[in-house]
Full PDB file with SEQRES, HELIX, SHEET, SSBOND, CRYST1, ORIGX, SCALE, CONECT and MASTER records, all heavy atoms in Angstrom:
SEQRES   1 A   41  PRO GLN TYR ASP LEU GLU THR ALA ARG ALA LEU GLY VAL          
SEQRES   2 A   41  LYS THR VAL HIS LEU ASN ARG TYR GLY TYR LYS TRP GLU          
SEQRES   3 A   41  PRO SER ILE ASN SER LEU GLU GLU LEU PRO ALA ILE VAL          
SEQRES   4 A   41  ARG SER                                                      
HELIX    1 AA1 LEU A    5  ALA A   10  1                                   6    
HELIX    2 AA2 LEU A   32  GLU A   34  5                                   3    
HELIX    3 AA3 LEU A   35  ARG A   40  1                                   6    
SHEET    1 AA1 2 HIS A  17  LEU A  18  0                                        
SHEET    2 AA1 2 SER A  28  ILE A  29  1                                        
CRYST1    1.000    1.000    1.000  90.00  90.00  90.00 P 1           1          
ORIGX1      1.000000  0.000000  0.000000        0.00000                         
ORIGX2      0.000000  1.000000  0.000000        0.00000                         
ORIGX3      0.000000  0.000000  1.000000        0.00000                         
SCALE1      1.000000  0.000000  0.000000        0.00000                         
SCALE2      0.000000  1.000000  0.000000        0.00000                         
SCALE3      0.000000  0.000000  1.000000        0.00000                         
ATOM      1  N   PRO A   1      -7.705   8.648 -10.095  1.00  0.00           N  
ATOM      2  CA  PRO A   1      -6.802   8.259 -11.183  1.00  0.00           C  
ATOM      3  C   PRO A   1      -5.557   9.142 -11.233  1.00  0.00           C  
ATOM      4  O   PRO A   1      -4.441   8.651 -11.446  1.00  0.00           O  
ATOM      5  CB  PRO A   1      -7.671   8.452 -12.440  1.00  0.00           C  
ATOM      6  CG  PRO A   1      -9.076   8.276 -11.966  1.00  0.00           C  
ATOM      7  CD  PRO A   1      -9.081   8.871 -10.582  1.00  0.00           C  
ATOM      8  N   GLN A   2      -5.726  10.454 -11.016  1.00  0.00           N  
ATOM      9  CA  GLN A   2      -4.633  11.398 -11.212  1.00  0.00           C  
ATOM     10  C   GLN A   2      -3.572  11.327 -10.107  1.00  0.00           C  
ATOM     11  O   GLN A   2      -2.403  11.605 -10.360  1.00  0.00           O  
ATOM     12  CB  GLN A   2      -5.168  12.835 -11.349  1.00  0.00           C  
ATOM     13  CG  GLN A   2      -5.820  13.417 -10.099  1.00  0.00           C  
ATOM     14  CD  GLN A   2      -7.291  13.096  -9.953  1.00  0.00           C  
ATOM     15  OE1 GLN A   2      -7.713  11.992 -10.229  1.00  0.00           O  
ATOM     16  NE2 GLN A   2      -8.076  14.080  -9.515  1.00  0.00           N  
ATOM     17  N   TYR A   3      -3.951  10.966  -8.900  1.00  0.00           N  
ATOM     18  CA  TYR A   3      -2.974  10.823  -7.823  1.00  0.00           C  
ATOM     19  C   TYR A   3      -2.320   9.436  -7.836  1.00  0.00           C  
ATOM     20  O   TYR A   3      -1.143   9.286  -7.485  1.00  0.00           O  
ATOM     21  CB  TYR A   3      -3.635  10.974  -6.452  1.00  0.00           C  
ATOM     22  CG  TYR A   3      -3.908  12.365  -5.962  1.00  0.00           C  
ATOM     23  CD1 TYR A   3      -5.208  12.875  -5.962  1.00  0.00           C  
ATOM     24  CD2 TYR A   3      -2.903  13.165  -5.445  1.00  0.00           C  
ATOM     25  CE1 TYR A   3      -5.494  14.140  -5.475  1.00  0.00           C  
ATOM     26  CE2 TYR A   3      -3.168  14.431  -4.949  1.00  0.00           C  
ATOM     27  CZ  TYR A   3      -4.464  14.919  -4.967  1.00  0.00           C  
ATOM     28  OH  TYR A   3      -4.738  16.169  -4.484  1.00  0.00           O  
ATOM     29  N   ASP A   4      -3.099   8.414  -8.177  1.00  0.00           N  
ATOM     30  CA  ASP A   4      -2.699   7.036  -7.909  1.00  0.00           C  
ATOM     31  C   ASP A   4      -2.746   6.090  -9.094  1.00  0.00           C  
ATOM     32  O   ASP A   4      -1.748   5.446  -9.418  1.00  0.00           O  
ATOM     33  CB  ASP A   4      -3.627   6.449  -6.822  1.00  0.00           C  
ATOM     34  CG  ASP A   4      -3.383   6.992  -5.449  1.00  0.00           C  
ATOM     35  OD1 ASP A   4      -3.815   8.120  -5.169  1.00  0.00           O  
ATOM     36  OD2 ASP A   4      -2.773   6.281  -4.638  1.00  0.00           O  
ATOM     37  N   LEU A   5      -3.937   5.920  -9.660  1.00  0.00           N  
ATOM     38  CA  LEU A   5      -4.190   4.786 -10.538  1.00  0.00           C  
ATOM     39  C   LEU A   5      -3.387   4.816 -11.830  1.00  0.00           C  
ATOM     40  O   LEU A   5      -2.940   3.773 -12.311  1.00  0.00           O  
ATOM     41  CB  LEU A   5      -5.690   4.692 -10.841  1.00  0.00           C  
ATOM     42  CG  LEU A   5      -6.596   4.545  -9.607  1.00  0.00           C  
ATOM     43  CD1 LEU A   5      -8.058   4.507 -10.032  1.00  0.00           C  
ATOM     44  CD2 LEU A   5      -6.230   3.300  -8.798  1.00  0.00           C  
ATOM     45  N   GLU A   6      -3.204   5.997 -12.409  1.00  0.00           N  
ATOM     46  CA  GLU A   6      -2.461   6.093 -13.669  1.00  0.00           C  
ATOM     47  C   GLU A   6      -1.019   5.621 -13.493  1.00  0.00           C  
ATOM     48  O   GLU A   6      -0.507   4.820 -14.279  1.00  0.00           O  
ATOM     49  CB  GLU A   6      -2.512   7.531 -14.188  1.00  0.00           C  
ATOM     50  CG  GLU A   6      -3.908   7.971 -14.609  1.00  0.00           C  
ATOM     51  CD  GLU A   6      -4.010   9.460 -14.878  1.00  0.00           C  
ATOM     52  OE1 GLU A   6      -2.992  10.162 -14.707  1.00  0.00           O  
ATOM     53  OE2 GLU A   6      -5.099   9.923 -15.256  1.00  0.00           O  
ATOM     54  N   THR A   7      -0.370   6.114 -12.431  1.00  0.00           N  
ATOM     55  CA  THR A   7       1.027   5.716 -12.182  1.00  0.00           C  
ATOM     56  C   THR A   7       1.121   4.254 -11.790  1.00  0.00           C  
ATOM     57  O   THR A   7       1.990   3.528 -12.270  1.00  0.00           O  
ATOM     58  CB  THR A   7       1.647   6.590 -11.081  1.00  0.00           C  
ATOM     59  OG1 THR A   7       1.532   7.960 -11.433  1.00  0.00           O  
ATOM     60  CG2 THR A   7       3.109   6.244 -10.884  1.00  0.00           C  
ATOM     61  N   ALA A   8       0.227   3.810 -10.907  1.00  0.00           N  
ATOM     62  CA  ALA A   8       0.276   2.422 -10.448  1.00  0.00           C  
ATOM     63  C   ALA A   8       0.121   1.453 -11.616  1.00  0.00           C  
ATOM     64  O   ALA A   8       0.885   0.481 -11.734  1.00  0.00           O  
ATOM     65  CB  ALA A   8      -0.811   2.180  -9.408  1.00  0.00           C  
ATOM     66  N   ARG A   9      -0.840   1.705 -12.489  1.00  0.00           N  
ATOM     67  CA  ARG A   9      -1.051   0.808 -13.628  1.00  0.00           C  
ATOM     68  C   ARG A   9       0.166   0.792 -14.550  1.00  0.00           C  
ATOM     69  O   ARG A   9       0.550  -0.266 -15.064  1.00  0.00           O  
ATOM     70  CB  ARG A   9      -2.306   1.213 -14.395  1.00  0.00           C  
ATOM     71  CG  ARG A   9      -2.560   0.368 -15.638  1.00  0.00           C  
ATOM     72  CD  ARG A   9      -3.888   0.703 -16.286  1.00  0.00           C  
ATOM     73  NE  ARG A   9      -5.011   0.139 -15.548  1.00  0.00           N  
ATOM     74  CZ  ARG A   9      -6.289   0.306 -15.891  1.00  0.00           C  
ATOM     75  NH1 ARG A   9      -6.604   1.058 -16.948  1.00  0.00           N  
ATOM     76  NH2 ARG A   9      -7.252  -0.249 -15.187  1.00  0.00           N  
ATOM     77  N   ALA A  10       0.779   1.957 -14.746  1.00  0.00           N  
ATOM     78  CA  ALA A  10       1.962   2.041 -15.605  1.00  0.00           C  
ATOM     79  C   ALA A  10       3.116   1.201 -15.062  1.00  0.00           C  
ATOM     80  O   ALA A  10       3.980   0.754 -15.827  1.00  0.00           O  
ATOM     81  CB  ALA A  10       2.389   3.493 -15.759  1.00  0.00           C  
ATOM     82  N   LEU A  11       3.117   0.967 -13.756  1.00  0.00           N  
ATOM     83  CA  LEU A  11       4.172   0.167 -13.120  1.00  0.00           C  
ATOM     84  C   LEU A  11       3.826  -1.314 -13.074  1.00  0.00           C  
ATOM     85  O   LEU A  11       4.613  -2.113 -12.548  1.00  0.00           O  
ATOM     86  CB  LEU A  11       4.425   0.683 -11.704  1.00  0.00           C  
ATOM     87  CG  LEU A  11       5.065   2.065 -11.596  1.00  0.00           C  
ATOM     88  CD1 LEU A  11       5.055   2.547 -10.161  1.00  0.00           C  
ATOM     89  CD2 LEU A  11       6.488   2.040 -12.138  1.00  0.00           C  
ATOM     90  N   GLY A  12       2.657  -1.676 -13.592  1.00  0.00           N  
ATOM     91  CA  GLY A  12       2.255  -3.074 -13.594  1.00  0.00           C  
ATOM     92  C   GLY A  12       1.415  -3.494 -12.408  1.00  0.00           C  
ATOM     93  O   GLY A  12       1.134  -4.684 -12.228  1.00  0.00           O  
ATOM     94  N   VAL A  13       1.002  -2.540 -11.591  1.00  0.00           N  
ATOM     95  CA  VAL A  13       0.149  -2.826 -10.446  1.00  0.00           C  
ATOM     96  C   VAL A  13      -1.294  -2.994 -10.929  1.00  0.00           C  
ATOM     97  O   VAL A  13      -1.769  -2.238 -11.777  1.00  0.00           O  
ATOM     98  CB  VAL A  13       0.217  -1.683  -9.412  1.00  0.00           C  
ATOM     99  CG1 VAL A  13      -0.674  -1.978  -8.209  1.00  0.00           C  
ATOM    100  CG2 VAL A  13       1.659  -1.444  -8.977  1.00  0.00           C  
ATOM    101  N   LYS A  14      -1.996  -3.981 -10.396  1.00  0.00           N  
ATOM    102  CA  LYS A  14      -3.424  -4.103 -10.667  1.00  0.00           C  
ATOM    103  C   LYS A  14      -4.134  -2.948  -9.960  1.00  0.00           C  
ATOM    104  O   LYS A  14      -3.776  -2.601  -8.829  1.00  0.00           O  
ATOM    105  CB  LYS A  14      -3.951  -5.445 -10.176  1.00  0.00           C  
ATOM    106  CG  LYS A  14      -3.265  -6.645 -10.812  1.00  0.00           C  
ATOM    107  CD  LYS A  14      -3.684  -7.934 -10.134  1.00  0.00           C  
ATOM    108  CE  LYS A  14      -2.896  -9.121 -10.663  1.00  0.00           C  
ATOM    109  NZ  LYS A  14      -1.457  -9.057 -10.255  1.00  0.00           N  
ATOM    110  N   THR A  15      -5.120  -2.354 -10.598  1.00  0.00           N  
ATOM    111  CA  THR A  15      -5.768  -1.182 -10.015  1.00  0.00           C  
ATOM    112  C   THR A  15      -7.279  -1.332  -9.983  1.00  0.00           C  
ATOM    113  O   THR A  15      -7.875  -1.962 -10.865  1.00  0.00           O  
ATOM    114  CB  THR A  15      -5.427   0.094 -10.806  1.00  0.00           C  
ATOM    115  OG1 THR A  15      -5.865  -0.062 -12.165  1.00  0.00           O  
ATOM    116  CG2 THR A  15      -3.939   0.389 -10.784  1.00  0.00           C  
ATOM    117  N   VAL A  16      -7.881  -0.731  -8.956  1.00  0.00           N  
ATOM    118  CA  VAL A  16      -9.334  -0.659  -8.838  1.00  0.00           C  
ATOM    119  C   VAL A  16      -9.699   0.757  -8.413  1.00  0.00           C  
ATOM    120  O   VAL A  16      -9.115   1.307  -7.472  1.00  0.00           O  
ATOM    121  CB  VAL A  16      -9.890  -1.662  -7.806  1.00  0.00           C  
ATOM    122  CG1 VAL A  16     -11.392  -1.457  -7.606  1.00  0.00           C  
ATOM    123  CG2 VAL A  16      -9.619  -3.102  -8.252  1.00  0.00           C  
ATOM    124  N   HIS A  17     -10.651   1.326  -9.118  1.00  0.00           N  
ATOM    125  CA  HIS A  17     -11.151   2.655  -8.791  1.00  0.00           C  
ATOM    126  C   HIS A  17     -12.333   2.540  -7.841  1.00  0.00           C  
ATOM    127  O   HIS A  17     -13.292   1.814  -8.120  1.00  0.00           O  
ATOM    128  CB  HIS A  17     -11.589   3.360 -10.088  1.00  0.00           C  
ATOM    129  CG  HIS A  17     -12.281   4.665  -9.863  1.00  0.00           C  
ATOM    130  ND1 HIS A  17     -13.541   4.944 -10.358  1.00  0.00           N  
ATOM    131  CD2 HIS A  17     -11.900   5.777  -9.187  1.00  0.00           C  
ATOM    132  CE1 HIS A  17     -13.893   6.162 -10.026  1.00  0.00           C  
ATOM    133  NE2 HIS A  17     -12.913   6.680  -9.303  1.00  0.00           N  
ATOM    134  N   LEU A  18     -12.253   3.234  -6.721  1.00  0.00           N  
ATOM    135  CA  LEU A  18     -13.378   3.342  -5.794  1.00  0.00           C  
ATOM    136  C   LEU A  18     -14.079   4.658  -6.098  1.00  0.00           C  
ATOM    137  O   LEU A  18     -13.520   5.733  -5.877  1.00  0.00           O  
ATOM    138  CB  LEU A  18     -12.887   3.302  -4.351  1.00  0.00           C  
ATOM    139  CG  LEU A  18     -13.950   3.449  -3.254  1.00  0.00           C  
ATOM    140  CD1 LEU A  18     -15.045   2.410  -3.398  1.00  0.00           C  
ATOM    141  CD2 LEU A  18     -13.305   3.357  -1.879  1.00  0.00           C  
ATOM    142  N   ASN A  19     -15.282   4.585  -6.607  1.00  0.00           N  
ATOM    143  CA  ASN A  19     -15.961   5.771  -7.131  1.00  0.00           C  
ATOM    144  C   ASN A  19     -16.555   6.632  -6.016  1.00  0.00           C  
ATOM    145  O   ASN A  19     -17.699   6.452  -5.618  1.00  0.00           O  
ATOM    146  CB  ASN A  19     -17.049   5.351  -8.120  1.00  0.00           C  
ATOM    147  CG  ASN A  19     -17.677   6.539  -8.824  1.00  0.00           C  
ATOM    148  OD1 ASN A  19     -17.178   7.661  -8.743  1.00  0.00           O  
ATOM    149  ND2 ASN A  19     -18.776   6.305  -9.513  1.00  0.00           N  
ATOM    150  N   ARG A  20     -15.758   7.568  -5.550  1.00  0.00           N  
ATOM    151  CA  ARG A  20     -16.233   8.543  -4.562  1.00  0.00           C  
ATOM    152  C   ARG A  20     -16.623   9.872  -5.230  1.00  0.00           C  
ATOM    153  O   ARG A  20     -17.509  10.569  -4.743  1.00  0.00           O  
ATOM    154  CB  ARG A  20     -15.133   8.855  -3.539  1.00  0.00           C  
ATOM    155  CG  ARG A  20     -14.570   7.677  -2.775  1.00  0.00           C  
ATOM    156  CD  ARG A  20     -15.473   7.205  -1.678  1.00  0.00           C  
ATOM    157  NE  ARG A  20     -14.775   6.294  -0.769  1.00  0.00           N  
ATOM    158  CZ  ARG A  20     -15.386   5.352  -0.065  1.00  0.00           C  
ATOM    159  NH1 ARG A  20     -16.700   5.180  -0.161  1.00  0.00           N  
ATOM    160  NH2 ARG A  20     -14.687   4.564   0.742  1.00  0.00           N  
ATOM    161  N   TYR A  21     -15.969  10.210  -6.348  1.00  0.00           N  
ATOM    162  CA  TYR A  21     -16.107  11.562  -6.908  1.00  0.00           C  
ATOM    163  C   TYR A  21     -16.456  11.595  -8.388  1.00  0.00           C  
ATOM    164  O   TYR A  21     -16.400  12.655  -9.006  1.00  0.00           O  
ATOM    165  CB  TYR A  21     -14.805  12.345  -6.670  1.00  0.00           C  
ATOM    166  CG  TYR A  21     -14.384  12.353  -5.219  1.00  0.00           C  
ATOM    167  CD1 TYR A  21     -13.233  11.677  -4.809  1.00  0.00           C  
ATOM    168  CD2 TYR A  21     -15.149  12.995  -4.255  1.00  0.00           C  
ATOM    169  CE1 TYR A  21     -12.849  11.660  -3.475  1.00  0.00           C  
ATOM    170  CE2 TYR A  21     -14.773  12.981  -2.914  1.00  0.00           C  
ATOM    171  CZ  TYR A  21     -13.626  12.311  -2.533  1.00  0.00           C  
ATOM    172  OH  TYR A  21     -13.257  12.292  -1.219  1.00  0.00           O  
ATOM    173  N   GLY A  22     -16.802  10.447  -8.971  1.00  0.00           N  
ATOM    174  CA  GLY A  22     -17.277  10.448 -10.346  1.00  0.00           C  
ATOM    175  C   GLY A  22     -16.223  10.355 -11.425  1.00  0.00           C  
ATOM    176  O   GLY A  22     -16.541  10.538 -12.606  1.00  0.00           O  
ATOM    177  N   TYR A  23     -14.967  10.058 -11.059  1.00  0.00           N  
ATOM    178  CA  TYR A  23     -13.938   9.882 -12.077  1.00  0.00           C  
ATOM    179  C   TYR A  23     -14.184   8.584 -12.844  1.00  0.00           C  
ATOM    180  O   TYR A  23     -14.850   7.669 -12.359  1.00  0.00           O  
ATOM    181  CB  TYR A  23     -12.543   9.846 -11.442  1.00  0.00           C  
ATOM    182  CG  TYR A  23     -12.137  11.126 -10.769  1.00  0.00           C  
ATOM    183  CD1 TYR A  23     -11.912  11.178  -9.392  1.00  0.00           C  
ATOM    184  CD2 TYR A  23     -11.966  12.293 -11.499  1.00  0.00           C  
ATOM    185  CE1 TYR A  23     -11.530  12.357  -8.767  1.00  0.00           C  
ATOM    186  CE2 TYR A  23     -11.577  13.476 -10.885  1.00  0.00           C  
ATOM    187  CZ  TYR A  23     -11.378  13.504  -9.518  1.00  0.00           C  
ATOM    188  OH  TYR A  23     -11.005  14.667  -8.910  1.00  0.00           O  
ATOM    189  N   LYS A  24     -13.637   8.495 -14.042  1.00  0.00           N  
ATOM    190  CA  LYS A  24     -13.815   7.330 -14.886  1.00  0.00           C  
ATOM    191  C   LYS A  24     -12.566   6.449 -14.865  1.00  0.00           C  
ATOM    192  O   LYS A  24     -11.458   6.925 -15.105  1.00  0.00           O  
ATOM    193  CB  LYS A  24     -14.117   7.759 -16.335  1.00  0.00           C  
ATOM    194  CG  LYS A  24     -15.369   8.617 -16.470  1.00  0.00           C  
ATOM    195  CD  LYS A  24     -16.612   7.882 -15.995  1.00  0.00           C  
ATOM    196  CE  LYS A  24     -17.859   8.745 -16.159  1.00  0.00           C  
ATOM    197  NZ  LYS A  24     -19.061   8.058 -15.630  1.00  0.00           N  
ATOM    198  N   TRP A  25     -12.744   5.168 -14.592  1.00  0.00           N  
ATOM    199  CA  TRP A  25     -11.659   4.194 -14.581  1.00  0.00           C  
ATOM    200  C   TRP A  25     -12.275   2.801 -14.567  1.00  0.00           C  
ATOM    201  O   TRP A  25     -13.366   2.621 -14.025  1.00  0.00           O  
ATOM    202  CB  TRP A  25     -10.794   4.386 -13.336  1.00  0.00           C  
ATOM    203  CG  TRP A  25      -9.498   3.630 -13.351  1.00  0.00           C  
ATOM    204  CD1 TRP A  25      -9.253   2.384 -12.826  1.00  0.00           C  
ATOM    205  CD2 TRP A  25      -8.266   4.059 -13.934  1.00  0.00           C  
ATOM    206  NE1 TRP A  25      -7.953   2.034 -13.023  1.00  0.00           N  
ATOM    207  CE2 TRP A  25      -7.320   3.039 -13.716  1.00  0.00           C  
ATOM    208  CE3 TRP A  25      -7.871   5.203 -14.620  1.00  0.00           C  
ATOM    209  CZ2 TRP A  25      -6.009   3.126 -14.152  1.00  0.00           C  
ATOM    210  CZ3 TRP A  25      -6.572   5.304 -15.058  1.00  0.00           C  
ATOM    211  CH2 TRP A  25      -5.646   4.274 -14.818  1.00  0.00           C  
ATOM    212  N   GLU A  26     -11.600   1.862 -15.143  1.00  0.00           N  
ATOM    213  CA  GLU A  26     -12.061   0.477 -15.106  1.00  0.00           C  
ATOM    214  C   GLU A  26     -10.947  -0.436 -14.619  1.00  0.00           C  
ATOM    215  O   GLU A  26      -9.808  -0.270 -15.053  1.00  0.00           O  
ATOM    216  CB  GLU A  26     -12.533   0.025 -16.493  1.00  0.00           C  
ATOM    217  CG  GLU A  26     -13.796   0.714 -16.982  1.00  0.00           C  
ATOM    218  CD  GLU A  26     -15.008   0.398 -16.148  1.00  0.00           C  
ATOM    219  OE1 GLU A  26     -15.019  -0.691 -15.496  1.00  0.00           O  
ATOM    220  OE2 GLU A  26     -15.952   1.213 -16.116  1.00  0.00           O  
ATOM    221  N   PRO A  27     -11.277  -1.368 -13.724  1.00  0.00           N  
ATOM    222  CA  PRO A  27     -12.582  -1.579 -13.111  1.00  0.00           C  
ATOM    223  C   PRO A  27     -12.875  -0.543 -12.031  1.00  0.00           C  
ATOM    224  O   PRO A  27     -11.961   0.048 -11.457  1.00  0.00           O  
ATOM    225  CB  PRO A  27     -12.464  -2.975 -12.506  1.00  0.00           C  
ATOM    226  CG  PRO A  27     -11.008  -3.110 -12.179  1.00  0.00           C  
ATOM    227  CD  PRO A  27     -10.277  -2.369 -13.268  1.00  0.00           C  
ATOM    228  N   SER A  28     -14.169  -0.373 -11.751  1.00  0.00           N  
ATOM    229  CA  SER A  28     -14.603   0.612 -10.767  1.00  0.00           C  
ATOM    230  C   SER A  28     -15.671  -0.005  -9.868  1.00  0.00           C  
ATOM    231  O   SER A  28     -16.499  -0.800 -10.333  1.00  0.00           O  
ATOM    232  CB  SER A  28     -15.167   1.851 -11.477  1.00  0.00           C  
ATOM    233  OG  SER A  28     -15.536   2.854 -10.552  1.00  0.00           O  
ATOM    234  N   ILE A  29     -15.618   0.352  -8.601  1.00  0.00           N  
ATOM    235  CA  ILE A  29     -16.620  -0.108  -7.640  1.00  0.00           C  
ATOM    236  C   ILE A  29     -17.191   1.096  -6.911  1.00  0.00           C  
ATOM    237  O   ILE A  29     -16.584   2.165  -6.874  1.00  0.00           O  
ATOM    238  CB  ILE A  29     -16.024  -1.108  -6.621  1.00  0.00           C  
ATOM    239  CG1 ILE A  29     -14.829  -0.487  -5.879  1.00  0.00           C  
ATOM    240  CG2 ILE A  29     -15.628  -2.406  -7.313  1.00  0.00           C  
ATOM    241  CD1 ILE A  29     -14.230  -1.389  -4.800  1.00  0.00           C  
ATOM    242  N   ASN A  30     -18.372   0.929  -6.338  1.00  0.00           N  
ATOM    243  CA  ASN A  30     -19.033   2.025  -5.626  1.00  0.00           C  
ATOM    244  C   ASN A  30     -18.951   1.890  -4.112  1.00  0.00           C  
ATOM    245  O   ASN A  30     -19.334   2.804  -3.387  1.00  0.00           O  
ATOM    246  CB  ASN A  30     -20.508   2.111  -6.049  1.00  0.00           C  
ATOM    247  CG  ASN A  30     -20.665   2.522  -7.491  1.00  0.00           C  
ATOM    248  OD1 ASN A  30     -20.040   3.472  -7.939  1.00  0.00           O  
ATOM    249  ND2 ASN A  30     -21.486   1.787  -8.231  1.00  0.00           N  
ATOM    250  N   SER A  31     -18.473   0.744  -3.648  1.00  0.00           N  
ATOM    251  CA  SER A  31     -18.330   0.502  -2.215  1.00  0.00           C  
ATOM    252  C   SER A  31     -17.174  -0.455  -1.993  1.00  0.00           C  
ATOM    253  O   SER A  31     -16.932  -1.365  -2.811  1.00  0.00           O  
ATOM    254  CB  SER A  31     -19.609  -0.111  -1.644  1.00  0.00           C  
ATOM    255  OG  SER A  31     -19.377  -0.656  -0.353  1.00  0.00           O  
ATOM    256  N   LEU A  32     -16.460  -0.277  -0.894  1.00  0.00           N  
ATOM    257  CA  LEU A  32     -15.361  -1.186  -0.579  1.00  0.00           C  
ATOM    258  C   LEU A  32     -15.841  -2.611  -0.338  1.00  0.00           C  
ATOM    259  O   LEU A  32     -15.065  -3.562  -0.449  1.00  0.00           O  
ATOM    260  CB  LEU A  32     -14.598  -0.692   0.652  1.00  0.00           C  
ATOM    261  CG  LEU A  32     -13.444   0.273   0.413  1.00  0.00           C  
ATOM    262  CD1 LEU A  32     -12.724   0.571   1.707  1.00  0.00           C  
ATOM    263  CD2 LEU A  32     -12.469  -0.267  -0.618  1.00  0.00           C  
ATOM    264  N   GLU A  33     -17.111  -2.761  -0.010  1.00  0.00           N  
ATOM    265  CA  GLU A  33     -17.643  -4.104   0.196  1.00  0.00           C  
ATOM    266  C   GLU A  33     -17.699  -4.899  -1.109  1.00  0.00           C  
ATOM    267  O   GLU A  33     -17.872  -6.119  -1.079  1.00  0.00           O  
ATOM    268  CB  GLU A  33     -19.016  -4.031   0.844  1.00  0.00           C  
ATOM    269  CG  GLU A  33     -18.964  -3.577   2.295  1.00  0.00           C  
ATOM    270  CD  GLU A  33     -20.278  -3.774   3.015  1.00  0.00           C  
ATOM    271  OE1 GLU A  33     -21.153  -2.886   2.887  1.00  0.00           O  
ATOM    272  OE2 GLU A  33     -20.440  -4.821   3.680  1.00  0.00           O  
ATOM    273  N   GLU A  34     -17.557  -4.219  -2.244  1.00  0.00           N  
ATOM    274  CA  GLU A  34     -17.514  -4.901  -3.537  1.00  0.00           C  
ATOM    275  C   GLU A  34     -16.110  -5.403  -3.879  1.00  0.00           C  
ATOM    276  O   GLU A  34     -15.945  -6.189  -4.817  1.00  0.00           O  
ATOM    277  CB  GLU A  34     -17.983  -3.948  -4.643  1.00  0.00           C  
ATOM    278  CG  GLU A  34     -19.403  -3.432  -4.494  1.00  0.00           C  
ATOM    279  CD  GLU A  34     -19.721  -2.349  -5.506  1.00  0.00           C  
ATOM    280  OE1 GLU A  34     -19.222  -2.427  -6.645  1.00  0.00           O  
ATOM    281  OE2 GLU A  34     -20.451  -1.411  -5.154  1.00  0.00           O  
ATOM    282  N   LEU A  35     -15.106  -4.967  -3.131  1.00  0.00           N  
ATOM    283  CA  LEU A  35     -13.721  -5.297  -3.479  1.00  0.00           C  
ATOM    284  C   LEU A  35     -13.384  -6.779  -3.351  1.00  0.00           C  
ATOM    285  O   LEU A  35     -12.655  -7.314  -4.205  1.00  0.00           O  
ATOM    286  CB  LEU A  35     -12.756  -4.451  -2.642  1.00  0.00           C  
ATOM    287  CG  LEU A  35     -11.283  -4.541  -3.035  1.00  0.00           C  
ATOM    288  CD1 LEU A  35     -11.070  -4.119  -4.491  1.00  0.00           C  
ATOM    289  CD2 LEU A  35     -10.439  -3.658  -2.104  1.00  0.00           C  
ATOM    290  N   PRO A  36     -13.853  -7.498  -2.327  1.00  0.00           N  
ATOM    291  CA  PRO A  36     -13.515  -8.923  -2.251  1.00  0.00           C  
ATOM    292  C   PRO A  36     -13.874  -9.699  -3.515  1.00  0.00           C  
ATOM    293  O   PRO A  36     -13.129 -10.594  -3.931  1.00  0.00           O  
ATOM    294  CB  PRO A  36     -14.319  -9.407  -1.043  1.00  0.00           C  
ATOM    295  CG  PRO A  36     -14.392  -8.211  -0.155  1.00  0.00           C  
ATOM    296  CD  PRO A  36     -14.568  -7.053  -1.118  1.00  0.00           C  
ATOM    297  N   ALA A  37     -14.988  -9.367  -4.162  1.00  0.00           N  
ATOM    298  CA  ALA A  37     -15.373 -10.055  -5.390  1.00  0.00           C  
ATOM    299  C   ALA A  37     -14.376  -9.784  -6.511  1.00  0.00           C  
ATOM    300  O   ALA A  37     -14.071 -10.684  -7.313  1.00  0.00           O  
ATOM    301  CB  ALA A  37     -16.776  -9.621  -5.817  1.00  0.00           C  
ATOM    302  N   ILE A  38     -13.848  -8.546  -6.551  1.00  0.00           N  
ATOM    303  CA  ILE A  38     -12.827  -8.209  -7.546  1.00  0.00           C  
ATOM    304  C   ILE A  38     -11.567  -9.035  -7.298  1.00  0.00           C  
ATOM    305  O   ILE A  38     -10.962  -9.584  -8.230  1.00  0.00           O  
ATOM    306  CB  ILE A  38     -12.481  -6.704  -7.501  1.00  0.00           C  
ATOM    307  CG1 ILE A  38     -13.710  -5.851  -7.849  1.00  0.00           C  
ATOM    308  CG2 ILE A  38     -11.302  -6.392  -8.406  1.00  0.00           C  
ATOM    309  CD1 ILE A  38     -14.062  -5.831  -9.299  1.00  0.00           C  
ATOM    310  N   VAL A  39     -11.171  -9.134  -6.047  1.00  0.00           N  
ATOM    311  CA  VAL A  39      -9.981  -9.908  -5.709  1.00  0.00           C  
ATOM    312  C   VAL A  39     -10.168 -11.363  -6.089  1.00  0.00           C  
ATOM    313  O   VAL A  39      -9.272 -11.998  -6.665  1.00  0.00           O  
ATOM    314  CB  VAL A  39      -9.656  -9.785  -4.203  1.00  0.00           C  
ATOM    315  CG1 VAL A  39      -8.481 -10.696  -3.819  1.00  0.00           C  
ATOM    316  CG2 VAL A  39      -9.327  -8.335  -3.842  1.00  0.00           C  
ATOM    317  N   ARG A  40     -11.323 -11.921  -5.804  1.00  0.00           N  
ATOM    318  CA  ARG A  40     -11.589 -13.319  -6.144  1.00  0.00           C  
ATOM    319  C   ARG A  40     -11.543 -13.540  -7.650  1.00  0.00           C  
ATOM    320  O   ARG A  40     -11.062 -14.585  -8.120  1.00  0.00           O  
ATOM    321  CB  ARG A  40     -12.950 -13.751  -5.593  1.00  0.00           C  
ATOM    322  CG  ARG A  40     -13.020 -13.837  -4.074  1.00  0.00           C  
ATOM    323  CD  ARG A  40     -14.316 -14.458  -3.598  1.00  0.00           C  
ATOM    324  NE  ARG A  40     -14.478 -14.300  -2.161  1.00  0.00           N  
ATOM    325  CZ  ARG A  40     -15.236 -13.353  -1.592  1.00  0.00           C  
ATOM    326  NH1 ARG A  40     -15.907 -12.500  -2.360  1.00  0.00           N  
ATOM    327  NH2 ARG A  40     -15.324 -13.261  -0.285  1.00  0.00           N  
ATOM    328  N   SER A  41     -12.031 -12.567  -8.413  1.00  0.00           N  
ATOM    329  CA  SER A  41     -12.029 -12.704  -9.873  1.00  0.00           C  
ATOM    330  C   SER A  41     -10.592 -12.700 -10.430  1.00  0.00           C  
ATOM    331  O   SER A  41     -10.315 -13.316 -11.455  1.00  0.00           O  
ATOM    332  CB  SER A  41     -12.847 -11.589 -10.528  1.00  0.00           C  
ATOM    333  OG  SER A  41     -12.181 -10.334 -10.438  1.00  0.00           O  
TER     334      SER A  41                                                      
MASTER        0    0    0    3    2    0    0    6  333    1    0    4          
END                                                                             
């Protein structure tokens, strides 16, 4: 979130957190294989 997601969201970019280190953000996934479902939604 601190390097990427906060700034990206503020600019209107859709964001997804990939949970590698336990940070909190929504939406969040635990594996990149879950990302296609997010895109479809």
